[in-house]
């Protein structure tokens, strides 16, 4: 065996050992693949935010729901929110029969697409704030959601009449 062949063999051997060490290190530091809150099915407790009876704040209701296989969790949560409260001292965010918004999750942002009916609600400032903050706070209960952005019929809008919807709503800083 010549000197060059021996050197080539040693370089190849060292590269193989280095690759093996890197792979061992990576395998030891891989994050656990735990199910997210959005993938858990069966009986769940969700937090819903409704207007309080005086209209100047929000009331939190914990509700048990049964989530079935294939059901979109965020969509179901907004359906429960639109269905209205079941606790005393809470008021619905929208009138009965109002359709639930559609919600999409993209890279930590919940995009809430409000149907046209929401523009016609005719709420004052307090009612509109309860509606928007009720939806945003409900969705921000999920750790996968860092912010909530509102759309109206798939389009960005400045507001529904009072509250600016241009910037996303985020969790308050601790």
Protein backbone atom coordinates (compact mmCIF):
# COMPACT_ATOMS: atom_id res chain seq x y z
CA UNK A 1 0.00 0.00 0.00
CA UNK A 2 1.40 3.36 -0.98
CA UNK A 3 1.71 6.39 1.23
CA UNK A 4 -1.09 8.25 -0.69
CA UNK A 5 -3.47 5.29 -0.42
CA UNK A 6 -2.86 5.08 3.33
CA UNK A 7 -3.47 8.82 3.74
CA UNK A 8 -6.70 8.59 1.71
CA UNK A 9 -7.87 5.65 3.82
CA UNK A 10 -7.18 7.56 7.07
CA UNK A 11 -9.08 10.66 5.82
CA UNK A 12 -12.03 8.46 4.84
CA UNK A 13 -11.96 6.69 8.20
CA UNK A 14 -11.85 10.01 10.12
CA UNK A 15 -14.75 11.39 8.06
CA UNK A 16 -16.81 8.29 8.84
CA UNK A 17 -16.10 8.59 12.58
CA UNK A 18 -16.98 12.32 12.51
CA UNK A 19 -20.26 11.60 10.69
CA UNK A 20 -21.14 8.90 13.21
CA UNK A 21 -20.44 11.26 16.14
CA UNK A 22 -22.61 14.01 14.62
CA UNK A 23 -25.48 11.58 14.07
CA UNK A 24 -25.21 10.30 17.66
CA UNK A 25 -25.32 13.87 18.97
CA UNK A 26 -28.35 14.77 16.82
CA UNK A 27 -30.28 11.68 17.87
CA UNK A 28 -29.75 12.56 21.52
CA UNK A 29 -31.07 16.12 21.11
CA UNK A 30 -34.12 15.59 18.92
CA UNK A 31 -37.25 17.16 20.41
CA UNK A 32 -40.00 14.88 21.57
CA UNK A 33 -42.85 14.63 19.08
CA UNK A 34 -45.70 15.20 21.54
CA UNK A 35 -49.22 15.75 20.22
CA UNK A 36 -50.27 19.39 20.07
CA UNK A 37 -53.43 20.72 21.69
CA UNK A 38 -54.92 20.86 18.21
CA UNK A 39 -54.53 17.09 17.67
CA UNK A 40 -56.05 15.74 20.89
CA UNK A 41 -59.44 14.10 20.33
CA UNK A 42 -62.12 12.89 22.73
CA UNK A 43 -63.45 14.74 25.76
CA UNK A 44 -61.77 18.15 26.17
CA UNK A 45 -62.25 21.21 28.27
CA UNK A 46 -62.00 24.45 26.32
CA UNK A 47 -62.05 28.05 27.53
CA UNK A 48 -64.47 30.41 25.83
CA UNK A 49 -64.56 34.18 26.35
CA UNK A 50 -67.97 35.88 26.31
CA UNK A 51 -69.13 39.40 27.06
CA UNK A 52 -70.14 40.02 30.65
CA UNK A 53 -73.72 41.07 31.36
CA UNK A 54 -72.77 44.76 31.67
CA UNK A 55 -70.87 44.74 28.37
CA UNK A 56 -67.67 46.21 29.80
CA UNK A 57 -65.55 43.07 30.08
CA UNK A 58 -65.28 39.37 29.38
CA UNK A 59 -66.35 36.24 31.25
CA UNK A 60 -64.46 32.96 30.86
CA UNK A 61 -66.50 29.79 30.54
CA UNK A 62 -64.91 26.35 30.68
CA UNK A 63 -66.90 23.96 28.53
CA UNK A 64 -66.52 20.23 28.01
CA UNK A 65 -66.80 19.17 24.37
CA UNK A 66 -66.42 15.85 22.60
CA UNK A 67 -64.03 16.17 19.63
CA UNK A 68 -64.28 13.46 17.01
CA UNK A 69 -61.63 12.11 14.66
CA UNK A 70 -61.15 14.47 11.72
CA UNK A 71 -62.88 17.39 13.43
CA UNK A 72 -61.04 20.71 13.13
CA UNK A 73 -60.50 21.83 16.72
CA UNK A 74 -60.32 25.59 16.08
CA UNK A 75 -63.43 25.50 13.91
CA UNK A 76 -65.32 23.65 16.64
CA UNK A 77 -64.15 26.15 19.26
CA UNK A 78 -65.53 29.06 17.23
CA UNK A 79 -68.82 27.17 16.72
CA UNK A 80 -69.10 26.77 20.50
CA UNK A 81 -68.32 30.45 20.97
CA UNK A 82 -71.05 31.51 18.50
CA UNK A 83 -73.50 29.09 20.14
CA UNK A 84 -73.39 31.35 23.18
CA UNK A 85 -72.65 31.08 26.89
CA UNK A 86 -74.00 28.52 29.34
CA UNK A 87 -72.91 30.29 32.53
CA UNK A 88 -74.77 33.01 34.42
CA UNK A 89 -73.45 36.54 34.03
CA UNK A 90 -72.25 35.98 30.45
CA UNK A 91 -73.78 37.40 27.29
CA UNK A 92 -73.45 36.04 23.73
CA UNK A 93 -70.96 37.68 21.40
CA UNK A 94 -73.30 37.49 18.40
CA UNK A 95 -77.08 37.08 17.93
CA UNK A 96 -78.47 33.55 17.54
CA UNK A 97 -78.22 32.29 13.97
CA UNK A 98 -75.06 34.26 13.16
CA UNK A 99 -72.61 32.00 11.30
CA UNK A 100 -69.32 31.07 12.94
CA UNK A 101 -66.15 32.57 11.47
CA UNK A 102 -63.74 30.34 9.61
CA UNK A 103 -60.28 30.01 11.12
CA UNK A 104 -56.96 28.93 9.60
CA UNK A 105 -53.66 28.44 11.38
CA UNK A 106 -50.49 29.55 9.61
CA UNK A 107 -47.11 29.58 11.40
CA UNK A 108 -48.55 30.51 14.80
CA UNK A 109 -51.07 33.01 13.44
CA UNK A 110 -54.77 32.24 13.58
CA UNK A 111 -56.45 33.89 10.61
CA UNK A 112 -60.10 34.47 11.51
CA UNK A 113 -62.28 35.10 8.47
CA UNK A 114 -65.47 36.81 9.59
CA UNK A 115 -68.55 36.29 7.38
CA UNK A 116 -70.29 39.36 5.89
CA UNK A 117 -72.93 39.18 8.65
CA UNK A 118 -70.36 40.51 11.12
CA UNK A 119 -70.12 43.83 9.28
CA UNK A 120 -73.88 44.24 9.64
CA UNK A 121 -74.02 43.61 13.41
CA UNK A 122 -74.09 47.36 14.07
CA UNK A 123 -72.30 47.08 17.39
CA UNK A 124 -71.03 50.08 19.28
CA UNK A 125 -67.46 50.25 20.51
CA UNK A 126 -68.04 48.08 23.61
CA UNK A 127 -69.90 45.36 21.68
CA UNK A 128 -67.28 45.26 18.95
CA UNK A 129 -64.48 45.06 21.50
CA UNK A 130 -66.22 42.19 23.31
CA UNK A 131 -66.65 40.35 19.99
CA UNK A 132 -63.07 40.75 18.77
CA UNK A 133 -61.40 40.23 22.14
CA UNK A 134 -63.71 37.31 22.92
CA UNK A 135 -62.64 35.51 19.73
CA UNK A 136 -58.96 36.47 20.09
CA UNK A 137 -58.69 35.46 23.76
CA UNK A 138 -60.48 32.16 23.08
CA UNK A 139 -58.01 31.25 20.32
CA UNK A 140 -54.97 32.47 22.27
CA UNK A 141 -55.74 29.79 24.88
CA UNK A 142 -54.04 27.35 22.47
CA UNK A 143 -50.26 27.30 22.89
CA UNK A 144 -49.83 26.84 19.12
CA UNK A 145 -51.32 30.29 18.50
CA UNK A 146 -49.13 33.33 19.14
CA UNK A 147 -51.39 35.89 17.47
CA UNK A 148 -54.83 36.33 15.89
CA UNK A 149 -55.44 38.29 12.67
CA UNK A 150 -58.95 39.18 11.52
CA UNK A 151 -60.25 39.25 7.96
CA UNK A 152 -63.71 40.06 6.62
CA UNK A 153 -64.85 37.84 3.75
CA UNK A 154 -61.22 36.90 3.07
CA UNK A 155 -59.98 40.49 2.88
CA UNK A 156 -58.03 42.63 5.31
CA UNK A 157 -60.19 45.43 6.68
CA UNK A 158 -59.39 48.45 8.77
CA UNK A 159 -62.21 47.73 11.23
CA UNK A 160 -65.81 46.60 11.61
CA UNK A 161 -66.59 50.18 12.55
CA UNK A 162 -64.65 51.04 15.70
CA UNK A 163 -61.73 48.79 16.66
CA UNK A 164 -58.68 48.61 14.37
CA UNK A 165 -58.18 45.16 12.86
CA UNK A 166 -55.01 46.04 10.94
CA UNK A 167 -52.59 44.61 13.52
CA UNK A 168 -52.78 41.09 14.93
CA UNK A 169 -53.95 40.55 18.50
CA UNK A 170 -51.31 38.94 20.72
CA UNK A 171 -51.09 37.44 24.18
CA UNK A 172 -50.26 40.07 26.78
CA UNK A 173 -46.60 40.04 27.82
CA UNK A 174 -45.97 38.49 31.24
